[in-house]
Amino acid sequence: MNTLLFLCTGNYYRSRFAELVFNALAAQRRLHWQAESRGLAIERGVNNVGPISRTVLETLTSLGIDRPVAPRYPLPVQEHEFTTAALIIALQEAEHRPLLHERYPAWADKVIYWHVRDIRPSPAYNPLQEIAQEVQRLISRLAQSTSPAAKT
């Protein structure tokens, strides 16, 4: 089983949503991938209430994805998690590249960066919708790279 590590600042909103959507879609496609998510600076999430964003839970329901029965609280990334992940994605380059350079400089240039802003969904921009689309594209690429046709 390959591990994908999603990173954001607080591991409360974006990375948690990416993890849950990825795992649901990967299971549907029977991919040998499992996502985890962690925060680069969870101490900055002092205003977060509960273990996971209510907006994340509501959006999962609207997408028909099972919500975690007992959601865990945000977790900080540990150095060993970088070495065990086959793929690492940080949710917003402008925000997370500097944090990686500061806290995990050896990994800053080995991470794939998306550009998902940390804001509440609005009619003008919905970060969770953008994450869902990015995850769907990623799942398609991973499925193609592991299909028998792709290996011939």
N, C-alpha and C. Protein backbone atom coordinates (compact mmCIF):
# COMPACT_ATOMS: atom_id res chain seq x y z
N MET A 1 0.85 -1.17 0.00
CA MET A 1 0.00 0.00 0.00
C MET A 1 0.90 1.24 0.00
N ASN A 2 0.64 2.13 -0.95
CA ASN A 2 1.37 3.40 -1.02
C ASN A 2 0.69 4.43 -0.14
N THR A 3 1.49 5.27 0.48
CA THR A 3 0.94 6.31 1.34
C THR A 3 1.09 7.67 0.68
N LEU A 4 0.03 8.44 0.70
CA LEU A 4 0.00 9.83 0.25
C LEU A 4 -0.17 10.68 1.49
N LEU A 5 0.65 11.71 1.63
CA LEU A 5 0.58 12.61 2.77
C LEU A 5 0.13 13.99 2.31
N PHE A 6 -1.04 14.42 2.78
CA PHE A 6 -1.53 15.76 2.52
C PHE A 6 -1.12 16.65 3.68
N LEU A 7 -0.61 17.84 3.36
CA LEU A 7 -0.17 18.79 4.37
C LEU A 7 -0.91 20.11 4.24
N CYS A 8 -1.28 20.68 5.37
CA CYS A 8 -1.74 22.06 5.42
C CYS A 8 -1.25 22.64 6.74
N THR A 9 -1.72 23.79 7.09
CA THR A 9 -1.20 24.43 8.29
C THR A 9 -1.72 23.76 9.56
N GLY A 10 -3.05 23.68 9.70
CA GLY A 10 -3.62 23.22 10.96
C GLY A 10 -4.18 21.81 10.98
N ASN A 11 -4.24 21.13 9.84
CA ASN A 11 -4.79 19.77 9.75
C ASN A 11 -6.21 19.71 10.30
N TYR A 12 -7.00 20.72 9.93
CA TYR A 12 -8.35 20.84 10.44
C TYR A 12 -9.37 20.95 9.32
N TYR A 13 -8.96 21.47 8.17
CA TYR A 13 -9.89 21.84 7.11
C TYR A 13 -9.45 21.25 5.77
N ARG A 14 -8.51 21.86 5.11
CA ARG A 14 -8.14 21.46 3.75
C ARG A 14 -7.52 20.07 3.66
N SER A 15 -6.47 19.83 4.43
CA SER A 15 -5.79 18.54 4.32
C SER A 15 -6.68 17.39 4.78
N ARG A 16 -7.51 17.65 5.77
CA ARG A 16 -8.41 16.59 6.25
C ARG A 16 -9.45 16.25 5.20
N PHE A 17 -9.97 17.28 4.53
CA PHE A 17 -10.92 17.05 3.46
C PHE A 17 -10.26 16.27 2.33
N ALA A 18 -9.06 16.67 1.94
CA ALA A 18 -8.34 15.98 0.87
C ALA A 18 -8.12 14.51 1.23
N GLU A 19 -7.72 14.25 2.45
CA GLU A 19 -7.49 12.88 2.91
C GLU A 19 -8.76 12.03 2.79
N LEU A 20 -9.86 12.54 3.29
CA LEU A 20 -11.10 11.77 3.30
C LEU A 20 -11.67 11.55 1.90
N VAL A 21 -11.59 12.58 1.06
CA VAL A 21 -12.07 12.42 -0.32
C VAL A 21 -11.16 11.45 -1.07
N PHE A 22 -9.86 11.61 -0.93
CA PHE A 22 -8.93 10.71 -1.61
C PHE A 22 -9.20 9.26 -1.21
N ASN A 23 -9.29 9.00 0.08
CA ASN A 23 -9.46 7.61 0.53
C ASN A 23 -10.77 7.01 0.02
N ALA A 24 -11.82 7.81 -0.03
CA ALA A 24 -13.10 7.31 -0.56
C ALA A 24 -12.99 6.97 -2.04
N LEU A 25 -12.38 7.87 -2.81
CA LEU A 25 -12.26 7.64 -4.26
C LEU A 25 -11.26 6.53 -4.57
N ALA A 26 -10.17 6.47 -3.83
CA ALA A 26 -9.18 5.41 -4.04
C ALA A 26 -9.79 4.04 -3.76
N ALA A 27 -10.62 3.95 -2.73
CA ALA A 27 -11.29 2.68 -2.41
C ALA A 27 -12.26 2.29 -3.53
N GLN A 28 -12.99 3.27 -4.05
CA GLN A 28 -13.92 2.98 -5.15
C GLN A 28 -13.18 2.44 -6.37
N ARG A 29 -11.99 2.99 -6.63
CA ARG A 29 -11.20 2.58 -7.80
C ARG A 29 -10.29 1.40 -7.49
N ARG A 30 -10.31 0.93 -6.26
CA ARG A 30 -9.47 -0.19 -5.81
C ARG A 30 -7.98 0.08 -6.02
N LEU A 31 -7.59 1.31 -5.74
CA LEU A 31 -6.18 1.68 -5.84
C LEU A 31 -5.46 1.28 -4.55
N HIS A 32 -4.20 0.94 -4.68
CA HIS A 32 -3.40 0.56 -3.52
C HIS A 32 -2.72 1.80 -2.94
N TRP A 33 -3.55 2.77 -2.60
CA TRP A 33 -3.10 4.03 -2.01
C TRP A 33 -3.96 4.34 -0.80
N GLN A 34 -3.33 4.92 0.19
CA GLN A 34 -4.02 5.37 1.39
C GLN A 34 -3.48 6.75 1.73
N ALA A 35 -4.37 7.71 1.93
CA ALA A 35 -3.95 9.06 2.29
C ALA A 35 -4.01 9.26 3.79
N GLU A 36 -3.08 10.07 4.25
CA GLU A 36 -3.07 10.57 5.61
C GLU A 36 -2.92 12.08 5.50
N SER A 37 -3.21 12.80 6.57
CA SER A 37 -3.01 14.25 6.54
C SER A 37 -2.43 14.70 7.86
N ARG A 38 -1.64 15.76 7.76
CA ARG A 38 -0.99 16.32 8.94
C ARG A 38 -0.88 17.82 8.77
N GLY A 39 -0.58 18.49 9.89
CA GLY A 39 -0.41 19.93 9.89
C GLY A 39 1.04 20.33 10.08
N LEU A 40 1.41 21.40 9.42
CA LEU A 40 2.77 21.94 9.54
C LEU A 40 2.91 22.88 10.74
N ALA A 41 1.80 23.44 11.18
CA ALA A 41 1.84 24.40 12.31
C ALA A 41 0.49 24.39 13.02
N ILE A 42 0.13 23.26 13.63
CA ILE A 42 -1.20 23.17 14.21
C ILE A 42 -1.41 24.14 15.37
N GLU A 43 -0.34 24.65 15.92
CA GLU A 43 -0.47 25.64 17.00
C GLU A 43 -1.13 26.93 16.50
N ARG A 44 -1.18 27.13 15.20
CA ARG A 44 -1.82 28.31 14.64
C ARG A 44 -3.34 28.17 14.54
N GLY A 45 -3.86 26.99 14.84
CA GLY A 45 -5.30 26.75 14.75
C GLY A 45 -6.03 26.98 16.05
N VAL A 46 -5.67 28.00 16.78
CA VAL A 46 -6.26 28.24 18.10
C VAL A 46 -7.76 28.51 18.05
N ASN A 47 -8.28 28.93 16.91
CA ASN A 47 -9.72 29.20 16.80
C ASN A 47 -10.51 28.02 16.24
N ASN A 48 -9.84 26.92 15.98
CA ASN A 48 -10.54 25.73 15.48
C ASN A 48 -11.35 25.11 16.60
N VAL A 49 -12.58 24.75 16.30
CA VAL A 49 -13.49 24.18 17.29
C VAL A 49 -13.72 22.71 16.94
N GLY A 50 -13.43 21.84 17.89
CA GLY A 50 -13.65 20.41 17.68
C GLY A 50 -12.53 19.78 16.87
N PRO A 51 -12.71 18.51 16.53
CA PRO A 51 -11.65 17.77 15.86
C PRO A 51 -11.49 18.06 14.37
N ILE A 52 -12.56 18.54 13.73
CA ILE A 52 -12.52 18.76 12.28
C ILE A 52 -13.56 19.82 11.93
N SER A 53 -13.32 20.53 10.87
CA SER A 53 -14.23 21.60 10.45
C SER A 53 -15.63 21.06 10.14
N ARG A 54 -16.63 21.75 10.67
CA ARG A 54 -18.03 21.38 10.38
C ARG A 54 -18.30 21.48 8.88
N THR A 55 -17.69 22.46 8.23
CA THR A 55 -17.88 22.62 6.78
C THR A 55 -17.36 21.40 6.03
N VAL A 56 -16.26 20.83 6.48
CA VAL A 56 -15.74 19.60 5.87
C VAL A 56 -16.76 18.48 6.01
N LEU A 57 -17.29 18.31 7.20
CA LEU A 57 -18.26 17.23 7.43
C LEU A 57 -19.51 17.42 6.58
N GLU A 58 -20.00 18.64 6.50
CA GLU A 58 -21.19 18.91 5.69
C GLU A 58 -20.92 18.67 4.20
N THR A 59 -19.74 19.05 3.74
CA THR A 59 -19.40 18.86 2.33
C THR A 59 -19.24 17.37 2.00
N LEU A 60 -18.64 16.62 2.90
CA LEU A 60 -18.54 15.17 2.69
C LEU A 60 -19.92 14.56 2.52
N THR A 61 -20.85 14.94 3.37
CA THR A 61 -22.21 14.44 3.28
C THR A 61 -22.84 14.79 1.94
N SER A 62 -22.64 16.03 1.50
CA SER A 62 -23.23 16.46 0.23
C SER A 62 -22.64 15.70 -0.95
N LEU A 63 -21.41 15.20 -0.81
CA LEU A 63 -20.76 14.43 -1.87
C LEU A 63 -21.06 12.93 -1.77
N GLY A 64 -21.78 12.52 -0.74
CA GLY A 64 -22.08 11.11 -0.56
C GLY A 64 -20.91 10.32 -0.01
N ILE A 65 -19.99 10.98 0.65
CA ILE A 65 -18.82 10.33 1.24
C ILE A 65 -19.07 10.17 2.73
N ASP A 66 -18.82 8.97 3.23
CA ASP A 66 -19.04 8.71 4.65
C ASP A 66 -18.18 9.63 5.51
N ARG A 67 -18.82 10.19 6.52
CA ARG A 67 -18.11 11.01 7.49
C ARG A 67 -17.44 10.10 8.51
N PRO A 68 -16.30 10.52 9.05
CA PRO A 68 -15.68 9.70 10.09
C PRO A 68 -16.62 9.59 11.30
N VAL A 69 -16.76 8.39 11.83
CA VAL A 69 -17.64 8.16 12.97
C VAL A 69 -17.14 8.92 14.20
N ALA A 70 -15.87 8.81 14.46
CA ALA A 70 -15.24 9.51 15.58
C ALA A 70 -14.02 10.24 15.04
N PRO A 71 -14.22 11.45 14.51
CA PRO A 71 -13.09 12.16 13.91
C PRO A 71 -11.96 12.40 14.90
N ARG A 72 -10.75 12.23 14.44
CA ARG A 72 -9.58 12.49 15.28
C ARG A 72 -9.29 13.99 15.29
N TYR A 73 -8.53 14.41 16.25
CA TYR A 73 -8.09 15.80 16.31
C TYR A 73 -6.90 16.01 15.38
N PRO A 74 -6.61 17.25 15.01
CA PRO A 74 -5.48 17.54 14.13
C PRO A 74 -4.17 16.97 14.68
N LEU A 75 -3.33 16.53 13.76
CA LEU A 75 -2.04 15.97 14.12
C LEU A 75 -0.92 16.75 13.44
N PRO A 76 0.17 16.99 14.15
CA PRO A 76 1.33 17.63 13.51
C PRO A 76 2.12 16.59 12.72
N VAL A 77 2.73 17.03 11.65
CA VAL A 77 3.56 16.12 10.87
C VAL A 77 4.83 15.81 11.66
N GLN A 78 5.30 14.59 11.50
CA GLN A 78 6.55 14.14 12.11
C GLN A 78 7.55 13.84 11.00
N GLU A 79 8.79 14.04 11.26
CA GLU A 79 9.85 13.86 10.25
C GLU A 79 9.75 12.49 9.56
N HIS A 80 9.53 11.43 10.31
CA HIS A 80 9.49 10.10 9.70
C HIS A 80 8.35 9.94 8.70
N GLU A 81 7.29 10.76 8.81
CA GLU A 81 6.17 10.65 7.88
C GLU A 81 6.56 11.11 6.48
N PHE A 82 7.51 11.99 6.38
CA PHE A 82 8.01 12.40 5.07
C PHE A 82 8.71 11.23 4.38
N THR A 83 9.46 10.47 5.14
CA THR A 83 10.24 9.37 4.54
C THR A 83 9.38 8.17 4.17
N THR A 84 8.25 8.00 4.85
CA THR A 84 7.42 6.83 4.55
C THR A 84 6.36 7.10 3.49
N ALA A 85 6.15 8.35 3.14
CA ALA A 85 5.13 8.69 2.13
C ALA A 85 5.71 8.53 0.72
N ALA A 86 4.92 7.92 -0.14
CA ALA A 86 5.31 7.79 -1.55
C ALA A 86 5.08 9.09 -2.30
N LEU A 87 4.16 9.90 -1.80
CA LEU A 87 3.80 11.16 -2.44
C LEU A 87 3.38 12.13 -1.34
N ILE A 88 3.83 13.39 -1.45
CA ILE A 88 3.49 14.41 -0.46
C ILE A 88 2.94 15.62 -1.20
N ILE A 89 1.77 16.08 -0.76
CA ILE A 89 1.13 17.24 -1.38
C ILE A 89 0.80 18.25 -0.30
N ALA A 90 1.28 19.47 -0.47
CA ALA A 90 0.90 20.58 0.40
C ALA A 90 -0.19 21.36 -0.31
N LEU A 91 -1.18 21.80 0.44
CA LEU A 91 -2.38 22.35 -0.17
C LEU A 91 -2.25 23.76 -0.73
N GLN A 92 -1.30 24.56 -0.24
CA GLN A 92 -1.12 25.90 -0.81
C GLN A 92 0.36 26.27 -0.78
N GLU A 93 0.92 26.40 -1.96
CA GLU A 93 2.35 26.67 -2.05
C GLU A 93 2.77 27.95 -1.33
N ALA A 94 2.05 29.05 -1.54
CA ALA A 94 2.44 30.33 -0.94
C ALA A 94 2.46 30.26 0.59
N GLU A 95 1.63 29.46 1.16
CA GLU A 95 1.54 29.32 2.61
C GLU A 95 2.47 28.24 3.15
N HIS A 96 2.59 27.13 2.44
CA HIS A 96 3.25 25.96 3.00
C HIS A 96 4.72 25.80 2.62
N ARG A 97 5.12 26.33 1.48
CA ARG A 97 6.55 26.24 1.14
C ARG A 97 7.41 26.96 2.19
N PRO A 98 7.03 28.18 2.62
CA PRO A 98 7.84 28.82 3.67
C PRO A 98 7.87 28.02 4.98
N LEU A 99 6.75 27.43 5.36
CA LEU A 99 6.72 26.60 6.57
C LEU A 99 7.64 25.38 6.43
N LEU A 100 7.61 24.78 5.27
CA LEU A 100 8.49 23.63 5.05
C LEU A 100 9.95 24.06 5.07
N HIS A 101 10.28 25.18 4.45
CA HIS A 101 11.67 25.68 4.48
C HIS A 101 12.11 25.95 5.91
N GLU A 102 11.21 26.47 6.72
CA GLU A 102 11.53 26.80 8.11
C GLU A 102 11.67 25.56 8.99
N ARG A 103 10.73 24.63 8.84
CA ARG A 103 10.65 23.51 9.78
C ARG A 103 11.21 22.19 9.26
N TYR A 104 11.13 22.00 7.96
CA TYR A 104 11.59 20.75 7.34
C TYR A 104 12.30 21.08 6.02
N PRO A 105 13.40 21.81 6.07
CA PRO A 105 14.02 22.33 4.84
C PRO A 105 14.44 21.25 3.85
N ALA A 106 14.78 20.09 4.31
CA ALA A 106 15.19 19.02 3.39
C ALA A 106 14.04 18.55 2.51
N TRP A 107 12.81 18.86 2.89
CA TRP A 107 11.64 18.37 2.18
C TRP A 107 10.95 19.43 1.32
N ALA A 108 11.30 20.67 1.47
CA ALA A 108 10.57 21.77 0.81
C ALA A 108 10.52 21.63 -0.70
N ASP A 109 11.56 21.10 -1.30
CA ASP A 109 11.59 20.97 -2.76
C ASP A 109 11.18 19.57 -3.24
N LYS A 110 10.77 18.72 -2.32
CA LYS A 110 10.35 17.37 -2.68
C LYS A 110 8.84 17.19 -2.60
N VAL A 111 8.15 18.26 -2.28
CA VAL A 111 6.71 18.25 -2.10
C VAL A 111 6.04 18.79 -3.35
N ILE A 112 4.90 18.24 -3.69
CA ILE A 112 4.06 18.79 -4.75
C ILE A 112 3.16 19.83 -4.10
N TYR A 113 3.05 20.98 -4.73
CA TYR A 113 2.24 22.07 -4.16
C TYR A 113 1.01 22.33 -5.01
N TRP A 114 -0.13 22.38 -4.33
CA TRP A 114 -1.34 22.86 -4.95
C TRP A 114 -1.52 24.32 -4.56
N HIS A 115 -2.60 24.94 -4.99
CA HIS A 115 -2.80 26.38 -4.75
C HIS A 115 -4.20 26.65 -4.19
N VAL A 116 -4.57 25.89 -3.17
CA VAL A 116 -5.90 25.98 -2.58
C VAL A 116 -5.85 26.92 -1.37
N ARG A 117 -6.56 28.02 -1.48
CA ARG A 117 -6.56 29.02 -0.41
C ARG A 117 -7.35 28.56 0.81
N ASP A 118 -7.00 29.08 1.95
CA ASP A 118 -7.62 28.73 3.22
C ASP A 118 -8.70 29.76 3.56
N ILE A 119 -9.85 29.63 2.90
CA ILE A 119 -10.97 30.53 3.16
C ILE A 119 -12.26 29.73 3.20
N ARG A 120 -13.28 30.34 3.77
CA ARG A 120 -14.60 29.70 3.78
C ARG A 120 -15.15 29.65 2.36
N PRO A 121 -15.87 28.58 2.03
CA PRO A 121 -16.50 28.52 0.71
C PRO A 121 -17.46 29.70 0.49
N SER A 122 -17.45 30.20 -0.73
CA SER A 122 -18.36 31.27 -1.12
C SER A 122 -18.78 31.03 -2.56
N PRO A 123 -19.76 31.77 -3.05
CA PRO A 123 -20.11 31.61 -4.47
C PRO A 123 -18.94 31.94 -5.41
N ALA A 124 -18.06 32.81 -4.98
CA ALA A 124 -16.93 33.20 -5.82
C ALA A 124 -15.79 32.17 -5.82
N TYR A 125 -15.61 31.49 -4.69
CA TYR A 125 -14.50 30.52 -4.59
C TYR A 125 -14.81 29.51 -3.50
N ASN A 126 -14.71 28.23 -3.85
CA ASN A 126 -14.94 27.17 -2.90
C ASN A 126 -13.70 26.29 -2.82
N PRO A 127 -12.90 26.46 -1.77
CA PRO A 127 -11.68 25.66 -1.68
C PRO A 127 -11.93 24.16 -1.62
N LEU A 128 -13.02 23.74 -1.00
CA LEU A 128 -13.29 22.30 -0.92
C LEU A 128 -13.66 21.73 -2.28
N GLN A 129 -14.36 22.50 -3.07
CA GLN A 129 -14.66 22.06 -4.44
C GLN A 129 -13.37 21.95 -5.24
N GLU A 130 -12.47 22.90 -5.07
CA GLU A 130 -11.18 22.84 -5.77
C GLU A 130 -10.38 21.61 -5.33
N ILE A 131 -10.38 21.33 -4.04
CA ILE A 131 -9.67 20.14 -3.55
C ILE A 131 -10.29 18.88 -4.14
N ALA A 132 -11.60 18.79 -4.15
CA ALA A 132 -12.26 17.60 -4.71
C ALA A 132 -11.87 17.40 -6.16
N GLN A 133 -11.81 18.47 -6.93
CA GLN A 133 -11.42 18.38 -8.34
C GLN A 133 -9.96 17.95 -8.48
N GLU A 134 -9.08 18.52 -7.66
CA GLU A 134 -7.66 18.14 -7.70
C GLU A 134 -7.48 16.67 -7.32
N VAL A 135 -8.21 16.23 -6.32
CA VAL A 135 -8.13 14.83 -5.89
C VAL A 135 -8.64 13.91 -7.00
N GLN A 136 -9.71 14.28 -7.65
CA GLN A 136 -10.23 13.46 -8.75
C GLN A 136 -9.20 13.34 -9.88
N ARG A 137 -8.54 14.45 -10.21
CA ARG A 137 -7.49 14.39 -11.25
C ARG A 137 -6.34 13.51 -10.80
N LEU A 138 -5.94 13.63 -9.54
CA LEU A 138 -4.86 12.80 -9.01
C LEU A 138 -5.23 11.33 -9.04
N ILE A 139 -6.44 11.00 -8.62
CA ILE A 139 -6.91 9.60 -8.65
C ILE A 139 -6.86 9.06 -10.08
N SER A 140 -7.28 9.85 -11.04
CA SER A 140 -7.24 9.41 -12.45
C SER A 140 -5.82 9.13 -12.89
N ARG A 141 -4.89 10.02 -12.52
CA ARG A 141 -3.47 9.80 -12.90
C ARG A 141 -2.91 8.55 -12.23
N LEU A 142 -3.21 8.36 -10.96
CA LEU A 142 -2.72 7.18 -10.26
C LEU A 142 -3.33 5.90 -10.81
N ALA A 143 -4.60 5.94 -11.18
CA ALA A 143 -5.26 4.77 -11.76
C ALA A 143 -4.64 4.42 -13.11
N GLN A 144 -4.32 5.43 -13.91
CA GLN A 144 -3.69 5.18 -15.22
C GLN A 144 -2.29 4.62 -15.04
N SER A 145 -1.56 5.10 -14.06
CA SER A 145 -0.18 4.64 -13.87
C SER A 145 -0.10 3.23 -13.30
N THR A 146 -1.20 2.76 -12.71
CA THR A 146 -1.18 1.39 -12.14
C THR A 146 -2.02 0.41 -12.95
N SER A 147 -2.64 0.88 -14.03
CA SER A 147 -3.46 -0.04 -14.84
C SER A 147 -2.55 -0.95 -15.67
N PRO A 148 -3.03 -2.17 -15.97
CA PRO A 148 -2.24 -3.08 -16.78
C PRO A 148 -1.88 -2.48 -18.14
N ALA A 149 -2.77 -1.70 -18.73
CA ALA A 149 -2.50 -1.09 -20.04
C ALA A 149 -1.36 -0.09 -19.95
N ALA A 150 -1.24 0.59 -18.81
CA ALA A 150 -0.18 1.59 -18.63
C ALA A 150 1.18 0.94 -18.49
N LYS A 151 1.21 -0.34 -18.11
CA LYS A 151 2.48 -1.04 -17.89
C LYS A 151 3.01 -1.71 -19.13
N THR A 152 2.23 -1.74 -20.21
CA THR A 152 2.69 -2.41 -21.43
C THR A 152 3.36 -1.44 -22.36
